[in-house]
Amino acid sequence: MKAKHLIILLAVLLTMSCEKPADQIFNGDAHISGTIYYENILTGSLDTAKTAKLVVTKDGIDQTNYVVQLKNGTFDLNLLSSGNYKFNITFQTKTAGLLNDNVYTLDTILTVSESQLLKDQNLRLNMETSLVANTALRLFIKDDQNAPLANVQVCLYSDAQTILKNRNTCVGNIRTGITNKNGVVLFDGLEERAYFAAAYIAVGKDTISNNLSDQTPLTILKKNTINETTIKLQTQVKPIATSLKITVTDQSGGYIQNAEICLYSDLDLIARYTNCFGSIKNGSSDAFGVSTFTALQPLKYYISAFKISGTDTLSNIDSRLLPTAVLNVNAVNTFNVVLKPQNKPQPPAGPTTLKINVYDKNGALIPNANVCLYSDPDLVTKYQACEGSLKSGSTDTFGSISFKDLQQLKYYVRAYKVVHDQDTLSNNDTRRTPTGVLIGNSVNEFNVVIK
């Protein structure tokens, strides 16, 4: 009758293999049942080891091994005789973030007497760290109240200099990950060495992170095991970016809206360009004449500002070569710019003048360019230099040259400049294009592009 019960039990509850007759181990009426657990390294919780494998041995006799392959993490052994039962349990599972499976084991002995009902034997497995093939790191990220933090960006660095330079950006990291809902992130395949970790998350307008000045490395990782450490984050006061607030006014102190503002760090560039070309930042003033540039370096800067108003252009051309003071770090620096009319009417009496402005193809004014003035289109194309010209000279720092005491005629202009001792920029393709007939006793302007 006992053998019949055993067959039914094995078919319904367990899959077992044995090497000796069942009555050597299942020949009584004692009972053992329970659940097998393991620690989930991603959540830190105890989960059921659903597919754990049991090898049961009675009274230390290895020849009476019974293999039990669980399906739901629970075991229920009936018809046991009194004595000691050794449980050898193994469980293998995959974990996201780790390259290899985790192996958990437990060896324990449960003792029952005749007819005893031994229930609710909850057994917790231990991770076999010796079976971990790679060097891994499990980080617990918590706030200052010790609560786990999800969605935290974690960046691993190999040296203190890189982490101090790039903290809260993850630039230069060797590994990066994001914590799960339990505040855990895993890194596998690491080396047996020390690492530095930066962890941060935006919370409203604040950023919480580990200490911004912390240069302490994590514990030196041990080889072929899952190393563990905890990082606590705290709210960091956001530093104010190094900024420059520029206010643009007219000569009367009125705010000028929609003025174009160009920011330069190079004096030569602001002297050459009039259209924001070569600027490091540019923008327009608001209704209060203000434009603010952020994320700047603690340097001196140069500002070019202008606005077209009717037939005039308002600009700060007479003061744009004056630099700001060296900017204070992590502060809002201020600077005022006054725009004045630049196209002033010329007095009626005066020499007939032709002002020639020389630009490159990008709109930059070219200083020290050679300019030759002709009244004959055949001569302007005949000569490569300034032979046969009426007047000649070189442009000033602002890329301009003026020829005075001219007749009220059309003129032809040749302009060129040798650069890098090899290339020559010139207006050979447009030099037969004349100026308009000059207006007497006025300053006439003509623009030339050399390329």
Protein backbone atom coordinates (compact mmCIF):
# COMPACT_ATOMS: atom_id res chain seq x y z
CA MET A 1 0.00 0.00 0.00
CA LYS A 2 2.90 2.35 0.85
CA ALA A 3 4.52 1.69 -2.52
CA LYS A 4 1.25 2.65 -4.27
CA HIS A 5 1.06 5.89 -2.33
CA LEU A 6 4.66 6.64 -3.26
CA ILE A 7 4.01 6.19 -6.98
CA ILE A 8 1.01 8.56 -6.83
CA LEU A 9 3.03 11.12 -4.85
CA LEU A 10 5.91 11.09 -7.32
CA ALA A 11 3.58 11.49 -10.31
CA VAL A 12 1.66 14.42 -8.86
CA LEU A 13 4.18 16.44 -6.86
CA LEU A 14 7.78 15.62 -7.74
CA THR A 15 10.05 14.18 -10.33
CA MET A 16 12.53 11.96 -8.48
CA SER A 17 15.25 9.47 -9.37
CA CYS A 18 16.57 6.94 -6.88
CA GLU A 19 19.22 4.29 -6.70
CA LYS A 20 17.64 2.09 -3.98
CA PRO A 21 14.16 0.84 -3.19
CA ALA A 22 11.81 3.50 -1.88
CA ASP A 23 11.19 1.77 1.44
CA GLN A 24 14.77 2.60 2.49
CA ILE A 25 13.84 6.29 2.70
CA PHE A 26 10.08 6.57 2.24
CA ASN A 27 8.96 3.96 4.71
CA GLY A 28 7.31 6.02 7.42
CA ASP A 29 4.62 8.63 7.93
CA ALA A 30 6.65 11.77 8.69
CA HIS A 31 6.24 14.87 6.51
CA ILE A 32 8.54 17.83 5.51
CA SER A 33 7.39 20.83 3.39
CA GLY A 34 8.60 24.35 2.72
CA THR A 35 9.72 27.02 0.21
CA ILE A 36 13.15 27.87 -1.17
CA TYR A 37 14.20 31.51 -1.56
CA TYR A 38 17.13 33.44 -3.01
CA GLU A 39 18.10 37.11 -2.93
CA ASN A 40 17.39 38.87 -6.22
CA ILE A 41 20.49 41.01 -6.70
CA LEU A 42 18.60 43.50 -8.85
CA THR A 43 15.83 44.17 -6.34
CA GLY A 44 17.39 43.13 -3.05
CA SER A 45 14.23 41.16 -2.26
CA LEU A 46 13.81 37.47 -1.48
CA ASP A 47 12.26 35.71 -4.48
CA THR A 48 11.10 32.13 -4.83
CA ALA A 49 13.69 29.85 -6.44
CA LYS A 50 11.06 28.27 -8.66
CA THR A 51 13.30 25.86 -10.54
CA ALA A 52 15.64 24.88 -7.71
CA LYS A 53 17.05 21.37 -7.73
CA LEU A 54 17.05 19.28 -4.52
CA VAL A 55 19.20 16.25 -3.80
CA VAL A 56 17.87 14.51 -0.64
CA THR A 57 20.06 12.08 1.33
CA LYS A 58 18.91 10.13 4.42
CA ASP A 59 21.22 9.70 7.37
CA GLY A 60 24.28 10.72 5.33
CA ILE A 61 24.16 7.65 3.10
CA ASP A 62 25.05 9.00 -0.34
CA GLN A 63 23.64 5.95 -2.10
CA THR A 64 20.13 6.99 -1.13
CA ASN A 65 20.07 10.22 -3.19
CA TYR A 66 16.72 11.41 -4.48
CA VAL A 67 16.69 14.23 -7.05
CA VAL A 68 13.78 16.69 -6.88
CA GLN A 69 13.36 19.27 -9.65
CA LEU A 70 10.97 21.94 -8.40
CA LYS A 71 8.55 23.88 -10.58
CA ASN A 72 7.22 26.51 -8.19
CA GLY A 73 9.92 26.77 -5.53
CA THR A 74 8.09 24.66 -2.95
CA PHE A 75 8.74 21.10 -1.81
CA ASP A 76 6.50 18.58 -0.04
CA LEU A 77 8.01 15.24 1.01
CA ASN A 78 5.68 12.60 2.50
CA LEU A 79 6.01 9.07 3.92
CA LEU A 80 9.37 9.76 5.53
CA SER A 81 10.85 7.60 8.23
CA SER A 82 12.42 9.21 11.28
CA GLY A 83 15.99 10.45 10.96
CA ASN A 84 18.20 13.13 9.51
CA TYR A 85 17.70 14.29 5.92
CA LYS A 86 20.42 16.25 4.17
CA PHE A 87 19.17 18.75 1.58
CA ASN A 88 21.64 19.77 -1.13
CA ILE A 89 19.94 22.58 -3.11
CA THR A 90 21.15 24.39 -6.25
CA PHE A 91 19.48 27.12 -8.27
CA GLN A 92 20.69 28.91 -11.42
CA THR A 93 19.20 32.11 -12.85
CA LYS A 94 19.95 34.90 -15.33
CA THR A 95 20.19 38.53 -14.18
CA ALA A 96 19.96 41.55 -16.47
CA GLY A 97 23.27 43.39 -16.49
CA LEU A 98 25.42 40.34 -15.78
CA LEU A 99 27.22 38.41 -18.47
CA ASN A 100 26.80 34.96 -16.85
CA ASP A 101 24.17 33.10 -14.80
CA ASN A 102 24.13 33.36 -11.02
CA VAL A 103 24.39 30.12 -9.04
CA TYR A 104 22.86 29.78 -5.56
CA THR A 105 23.36 26.76 -3.25
CA LEU A 106 22.54 25.49 0.23
CA ASP A 107 23.47 22.40 2.23
CA THR A 108 21.30 21.86 5.30
CA ILE A 109 19.99 19.01 7.47
CA LEU A 110 16.37 18.62 8.56
CA THR A 111 15.47 16.09 11.26
CA VAL A 112 12.06 14.45 11.69
CA SER A 113 10.74 11.95 14.19
CA GLU A 114 8.19 9.23 13.52
CA SER A 115 4.85 10.67 12.34
CA GLN A 116 6.11 14.28 12.68
CA LEU A 117 4.62 17.01 10.47
CA LEU A 118 7.45 19.49 9.76
CA LYS A 119 5.89 22.39 7.83
CA ASP A 120 6.92 25.83 6.55
CA GLN A 121 10.61 25.12 6.27
CA ASN A 122 11.69 28.30 4.45
CA LEU A 123 15.21 27.82 3.18
CA ARG A 124 17.34 30.72 1.88
CA LEU A 125 20.06 29.99 -0.68
CA ASN A 126 23.49 31.55 -0.75
CA MET A 127 25.12 32.93 -3.88
CA GLU A 128 28.16 30.97 -4.98
CA THR A 129 30.52 33.89 -5.59
CA SER A 130 33.30 31.46 -6.46
CA LEU A 131 31.34 30.50 -9.56
CA VAL A 132 31.09 34.10 -10.87
CA ALA A 133 33.17 34.17 -14.03
CA ASN A 134 33.60 37.97 -14.20
CA THR A 135 34.32 40.88 -11.90
CA ALA A 136 31.04 42.73 -11.30
CA LEU A 137 29.85 45.69 -9.24
CA ARG A 138 26.41 46.16 -7.67
CA LEU A 139 25.68 49.73 -6.62
CA PHE A 140 22.85 50.75 -4.31
CA ILE A 141 21.90 54.40 -4.88
CA LYS A 142 20.01 56.03 -2.01
CA ASP A 143 18.99 59.51 -0.89
CA ASP A 144 20.09 61.13 2.37
CA GLN A 145 17.11 59.44 4.11
CA ASN A 146 18.39 56.03 2.98
CA ALA A 147 15.53 55.51 0.51
CA PRO A 148 16.41 53.85 -2.83
CA LEU A 149 16.43 56.14 -5.88
CA ALA A 150 15.24 55.03 -9.31
CA ASN A 151 16.31 56.47 -12.71
CA VAL A 152 19.63 57.76 -11.38
CA GLN A 153 22.38 58.18 -13.99
CA VAL A 154 25.51 56.40 -12.77
CA CYS A 155 28.87 56.87 -14.49
CA LEU A 156 32.04 54.90 -13.73
CA TYR A 157 35.43 56.56 -14.19
CA SER A 158 38.95 55.21 -14.00
CA ASP A 159 40.60 58.30 -12.48
CA ALA A 160 39.82 61.23 -10.19
CA GLN A 161 40.78 63.97 -12.67
CA THR A 162 38.23 62.88 -15.26
CA ILE A 163 35.36 62.59 -12.79
CA LEU A 164 36.06 66.02 -11.27
CA LYS A 165 36.14 67.60 -14.72
CA ASN A 166 33.00 65.94 -16.08
CA ARG A 167 30.79 65.17 -13.06
CA ASN A 168 27.04 65.34 -13.84
CA THR A 169 27.73 65.05 -17.58
CA CYS A 170 29.05 61.45 -17.87
CA VAL A 171 31.63 62.68 -20.39
CA GLY A 172 34.75 60.52 -20.34
CA ASN A 173 33.12 57.60 -18.50
CA ILE A 174 34.17 54.02 -19.05
CA ARG A 175 30.76 52.55 -18.14
CA THR A 176 27.33 54.06 -17.57
CA GLY A 177 23.93 52.80 -16.41
CA ILE A 178 20.62 53.82 -14.82
CA THR A 179 19.24 52.50 -11.55
CA ASN A 180 16.06 50.40 -11.52
CA LYS A 181 13.05 51.02 -9.29
CA ASN A 182 14.97 49.52 -6.38
CA GLY A 183 17.88 51.93 -6.79
CA VAL A 184 20.22 49.22 -8.09
CA VAL A 185 22.54 49.26 -11.09
CA LEU A 186 24.91 46.47 -12.16
CA PHE A 187 28.20 46.66 -14.02
CA ASP A 188 29.88 43.46 -15.19
CA GLY A 189 33.13 42.62 -16.95
CA LEU A 190 35.20 45.06 -14.86
CA GLU A 191 38.83 44.90 -13.86
CA GLU A 192 40.28 44.09 -10.45
CA ARG A 193 40.94 47.72 -9.50
CA ALA A 194 39.43 50.86 -7.95
CA TYR A 195 36.79 52.92 -9.77
CA PHE A 196 35.23 56.33 -9.20
CA ALA A 197 31.46 56.73 -9.52
CA ALA A 198 29.36 59.82 -10.25
CA ALA A 199 25.62 59.52 -9.71
CA TYR A 200 23.04 62.24 -10.32
CA ILE A 201 19.37 62.86 -11.09
CA ALA A 202 17.34 66.02 -11.76
CA VAL A 203 14.60 66.66 -9.19
CA GLY A 204 12.56 69.70 -10.16
CA LYS A 205 15.02 72.55 -10.61
CA ASP A 206 17.66 70.88 -8.45
CA THR A 207 20.18 68.17 -9.13
CA ILE A 208 20.93 65.63 -6.46
CA SER A 209 24.21 63.81 -6.72
CA ASN A 210 27.06 62.40 -4.70
CA ASN A 211 29.58 64.89 -3.36
CA LEU A 212 30.81 67.22 -6.10
CA SER A 213 34.26 67.39 -4.53
CA ASP A 214 34.50 63.72 -3.62
CA GLN A 215 37.68 62.14 -4.94
CA THR A 216 37.37 58.94 -2.91
CA PRO A 217 37.41 55.83 -5.09
CA LEU A 218 35.12 52.88 -4.58
CA THR A 219 36.57 49.88 -2.78
CA ILE A 220 39.08 48.01 -4.93
CA LEU A 221 37.03 45.38 -6.70
CA LYS A 222 37.71 41.73 -6.03
CA LYS A 223 38.15 39.43 -8.96
CA ASN A 224 35.44 36.96 -10.04
CA THR A 225 32.78 38.12 -7.63
CA ILE A 226 29.91 40.58 -7.38
CA ASN A 227 31.25 43.50 -5.36
CA GLU A 228 28.75 45.75 -3.56
CA THR A 229 28.73 49.33 -2.30
CA THR A 230 26.21 52.06 -1.49
CA ILE A 231 26.26 55.66 -2.75
CA LYS A 232 24.15 58.32 -1.08
CA LEU A 233 23.06 61.41 -2.99
CA GLN A 234 22.38 64.87 -1.68
CA THR A 235 20.86 68.02 -3.18
CA GLN A 236 23.48 70.15 -4.85
CA VAL A 237 23.12 73.92 -5.14
CA LYS A 238 23.31 74.71 -8.81
CA PRO A 239 26.14 77.14 -9.51
CA ILE A 240 25.18 80.21 -11.49
CA ALA A 241 26.67 79.99 -14.96
CA THR A 242 29.26 82.58 -15.90
CA SER A 243 27.09 85.02 -17.86
CA LEU A 244 27.24 88.41 -19.57
CA LYS A 245 24.12 90.61 -19.57
CA ILE A 246 24.34 93.26 -22.30
CA THR A 247 22.01 96.28 -22.30
CA VAL A 248 21.73 98.28 -25.53
CA THR A 249 20.60 101.92 -25.42
CA ASP A 250 20.60 104.97 -27.65
CA GLN A 251 22.44 108.18 -26.82
CA SER A 252 19.50 109.35 -24.71
CA GLY A 253 19.47 106.19 -22.61
CA GLY A 254 16.41 104.68 -24.28
CA TYR A 255 16.34 100.91 -24.66
CA ILE A 256 16.85 99.61 -28.20
CA GLN A 257 14.88 96.47 -29.06
CA ASN A 258 15.92 93.98 -31.76
CA ALA A 259 19.48 95.22 -31.99
CA GLU A 260 21.85 92.61 -33.38
CA ILE A 261 24.54 91.78 -30.83
CA CYS A 262 27.73 89.89 -31.68
CA LEU A 263 30.09 88.59 -28.98
CA TYR A 264 33.79 88.13 -29.72
CA SER A 265 36.78 87.02 -27.69
CA ASP A 266 39.28 88.05 -30.37
CA LEU A 267 40.09 91.72 -31.04
CA ASP A 268 41.28 91.03 -34.59
CA LEU A 269 38.00 89.32 -35.51
CA ILE A 270 35.73 92.09 -34.25
CA ALA A 271 37.88 94.64 -36.09
CA ARG A 272 37.50 92.70 -39.34
CA TYR A 273 33.84 91.68 -39.37
CA THR A 274 30.67 93.76 -39.36
CA ASN A 275 28.00 91.05 -39.69
CA CYS A 276 28.62 88.76 -36.67
CA PHE A 277 30.84 86.50 -38.77
CA GLY A 278 33.48 84.93 -36.53
CA SER A 279 31.57 85.73 -33.34
CA ILE A 280 31.39 83.10 -30.62
CA LYS A 281 27.77 83.99 -29.78
CA ASN A 282 25.13 86.33 -31.18
CA GLY A 283 21.56 87.32 -30.45
CA SER A 284 19.01 90.14 -30.39
CA SER A 285 18.06 92.53 -27.60
CA ASP A 286 14.62 92.22 -26.00
CA ALA A 287 12.08 94.96 -25.23
CA PHE A 288 14.36 96.22 -22.45
CA GLY A 289 17.41 96.28 -24.70
CA VAL A 290 18.85 93.20 -22.99
CA SER A 291 20.51 90.08 -24.34
CA THR A 292 22.24 87.61 -22.01
CA PHE A 293 24.94 85.17 -23.04
CA THR A 294 25.64 82.22 -20.72
CA ALA A 295 28.24 79.48 -20.25
CA LEU A 296 31.13 81.86 -20.89
CA GLN A 297 34.74 81.71 -19.78
CA PRO A 298 36.29 84.18 -17.31
CA LEU A 299 37.79 86.31 -20.11
CA LYS A 300 37.52 89.77 -21.63
CA TYR A 301 34.99 90.01 -24.47
CA TYR A 302 34.31 92.45 -27.29
CA ILE A 303 30.82 93.45 -28.40
CA SER A 304 29.57 94.62 -31.76
CA ALA A 305 25.97 95.85 -31.85
CA PHE A 306 23.93 97.49 -34.59
CA LYS A 307 20.42 98.21 -35.76
CA ILE A 308 19.13 99.61 -39.05
CA SER A 309 16.82 102.54 -38.37
CA GLY A 310 15.29 104.08 -41.46
CA THR A 311 18.14 105.12 -43.73
CA ASP A 312 20.63 105.15 -40.86
CA THR A 313 22.48 102.38 -39.11
CA LEU A 314 22.85 102.67 -35.36
CA SER A 315 25.99 100.96 -34.11
CA ASN A 316 28.79 101.05 -31.57
CA ILE A 317 31.50 101.02 -34.22
CA ASP A 318 33.41 103.75 -32.40
CA SER A 319 33.55 101.74 -29.13
CA ARG A 320 33.41 98.10 -30.18
CA LEU A 321 37.16 97.66 -29.71
CA LEU A 322 36.82 98.43 -26.00
CA PRO A 323 36.67 95.13 -24.07
CA THR A 324 34.57 94.19 -21.11
CA ALA A 325 36.31 93.50 -17.84
CA VAL A 326 37.38 89.92 -17.18
CA LEU A 327 34.14 88.13 -16.30
CA ASN A 328 33.57 86.95 -12.76
CA VAL A 329 33.11 83.19 -12.51
CA ASN A 330 29.62 81.86 -11.69
CA ALA A 331 28.11 85.34 -11.76
CA VAL A 332 25.94 87.51 -14.01
CA ASN A 333 28.27 90.20 -15.37
CA THR A 334 26.76 93.35 -16.92
CA PHE A 335 27.88 95.61 -19.76
CA ASN A 336 26.20 98.59 -21.44
CA VAL A 337 26.43 99.41 -25.15
CA VAL A 338 25.41 102.76 -26.64
CA LEU A 339 24.44 102.88 -30.32
CA LYS A 340 24.88 106.03 -32.40
CA PRO A 341 23.88 106.96 -35.96
CA GLN A 342 26.73 106.15 -38.34
CA ASN A 343 25.48 107.43 -41.70
CA LYS A 344 25.74 111.11 -40.97
CA PRO A 345 24.91 113.50 -43.84
CA GLN A 346 28.02 115.02 -45.39
CA PRO A 347 28.45 118.76 -45.48
CA PRO A 348 27.57 120.27 -48.87
CA ALA A 349 31.02 121.75 -49.36
CA GLY A 350 33.95 119.34 -49.52
CA PRO A 351 36.05 117.28 -51.88
CA THR A 352 34.44 114.66 -54.08
CA THR A 353 35.53 111.46 -52.35
CA LEU A 354 35.26 107.76 -53.09
CA LYS A 355 35.40 105.49 -50.02
CA ILE A 356 36.14 101.90 -50.99
CA ASN A 357 35.42 99.03 -48.57
CA VAL A 358 37.18 95.73 -49.28
CA TYR A 359 35.59 92.47 -48.07
CA ASP A 360 36.38 88.77 -48.40
CA LYS A 361 33.73 86.31 -49.58
CA ASN A 362 32.52 85.82 -45.99
CA GLY A 363 31.87 89.50 -45.44
CA ALA A 364 35.00 90.24 -43.45
CA LEU A 365 36.65 93.63 -43.96
CA ILE A 366 40.20 93.17 -45.24
CA PRO A 367 42.94 95.43 -43.88
CA ASN A 368 46.14 96.11 -45.89
CA ALA A 369 44.55 95.24 -49.23
CA ASN A 370 46.02 97.00 -52.25
CA VAL A 371 43.49 99.21 -54.07
CA CYS A 372 44.03 100.78 -57.52
CA LEU A 373 41.67 103.41 -59.00
CA TYR A 374 41.16 103.75 -62.77
CA SER A 375 38.92 105.75 -65.04
CA ASP A 376 39.65 103.52 -68.05
CA PRO A 377 38.25 99.92 -68.11
CA ASP A 378 40.99 98.79 -70.48
CA LEU A 379 43.71 99.86 -68.09
CA VAL A 380 42.12 98.14 -65.08
CA THR A 381 42.27 94.81 -66.92
CA LYS A 382 45.64 95.36 -68.57
CA TYR A 383 47.75 95.58 -65.44
CA GLN A 384 48.14 93.12 -62.58
CA ALA A 385 49.38 95.62 -60.04
CA CYS A 386 48.56 99.33 -59.93
CA GLU A 387 50.40 100.46 -63.05
CA GLY A 388 48.53 103.21 -64.93
CA SER A 389 46.16 103.88 -62.02
CA LEU A 390 44.98 107.39 -61.11
CA LYS A 391 45.38 106.72 -57.39
CA SER A 392 46.39 103.77 -55.26
CA GLY A 393 46.87 102.81 -51.64
CA SER A 394 46.12 100.21 -48.93
CA THR A 395 43.03 99.71 -46.80
CA ASP A 396 43.15 100.66 -43.14
CA THR A 397 42.43 98.48 -40.09
CA PHE A 398 38.73 98.59 -40.93
CA GLY A 399 39.23 97.49 -44.56
CA SER A 400 38.57 100.93 -46.07
CA ILE A 401 40.44 103.53 -48.14
CA SER A 402 39.27 106.93 -49.37
CA PHE A 403 40.41 108.76 -52.52
CA LYS A 404 39.69 112.50 -52.49
CA ASP A 405 39.55 115.31 -55.05
CA LEU A 406 38.00 113.15 -57.77
CA GLN A 407 35.93 114.11 -60.78
CA GLN A 408 32.22 113.39 -61.09
CA LEU A 409 32.83 110.29 -63.21
CA LYS A 410 32.49 106.55 -63.10
CA TYR A 411 35.59 104.77 -61.81
CA TYR A 412 36.96 101.23 -61.93
CA VAL A 413 38.57 99.55 -58.93
CA ARG A 414 41.13 96.78 -58.74
CA ALA A 415 41.82 95.33 -55.29
CA TYR A 416 44.05 92.47 -54.27
CA LYS A 417 46.01 91.01 -51.36
CA VAL A 418 48.68 88.35 -51.20
CA VAL A 419 48.03 85.88 -48.36
CA HIS A 420 50.38 83.23 -46.98
CA ASP A 421 53.01 84.38 -49.53
CA GLN A 422 51.33 82.20 -52.14
CA ASP A 423 47.67 82.94 -52.78
CA THR A 424 46.32 86.20 -54.06
CA LEU A 425 42.82 87.41 -53.27
CA SER A 426 41.47 89.77 -55.93
CA ASN A 427 38.38 91.10 -57.66
CA ASN A 428 39.51 90.11 -61.13
CA ASP A 429 36.02 88.88 -61.99
CA THR A 430 34.33 92.20 -61.14
CA ARG A 431 36.99 94.86 -61.76
CA ARG A 432 35.32 96.00 -65.01
CA THR A 433 32.18 96.81 -63.02
CA PRO A 434 32.23 100.61 -62.56
CA THR A 435 31.12 102.71 -59.67
CA GLY A 436 28.19 104.99 -60.22
CA VAL A 437 28.88 108.55 -61.34
CA LEU A 438 30.27 110.19 -58.23
CA ILE A 439 28.19 112.84 -56.51
CA GLY A 440 30.17 116.04 -56.20
CA ASN A 441 31.35 117.33 -52.85
CA SER A 442 30.22 114.12 -51.15
CA VAL A 443 31.65 110.91 -49.80
CA ASN A 444 30.61 108.18 -52.21
CA GLU A 445 30.98 104.54 -51.12
CA PHE A 446 31.79 101.45 -53.17
CA ASN A 447 32.20 97.88 -51.94
CA VAL A 448 34.64 95.38 -53.43
CA VAL A 449 34.79 91.65 -52.74
CA ILE A 450 38.11 89.87 -53.25
CA LYS A 451 38.40 86.08 -53.37
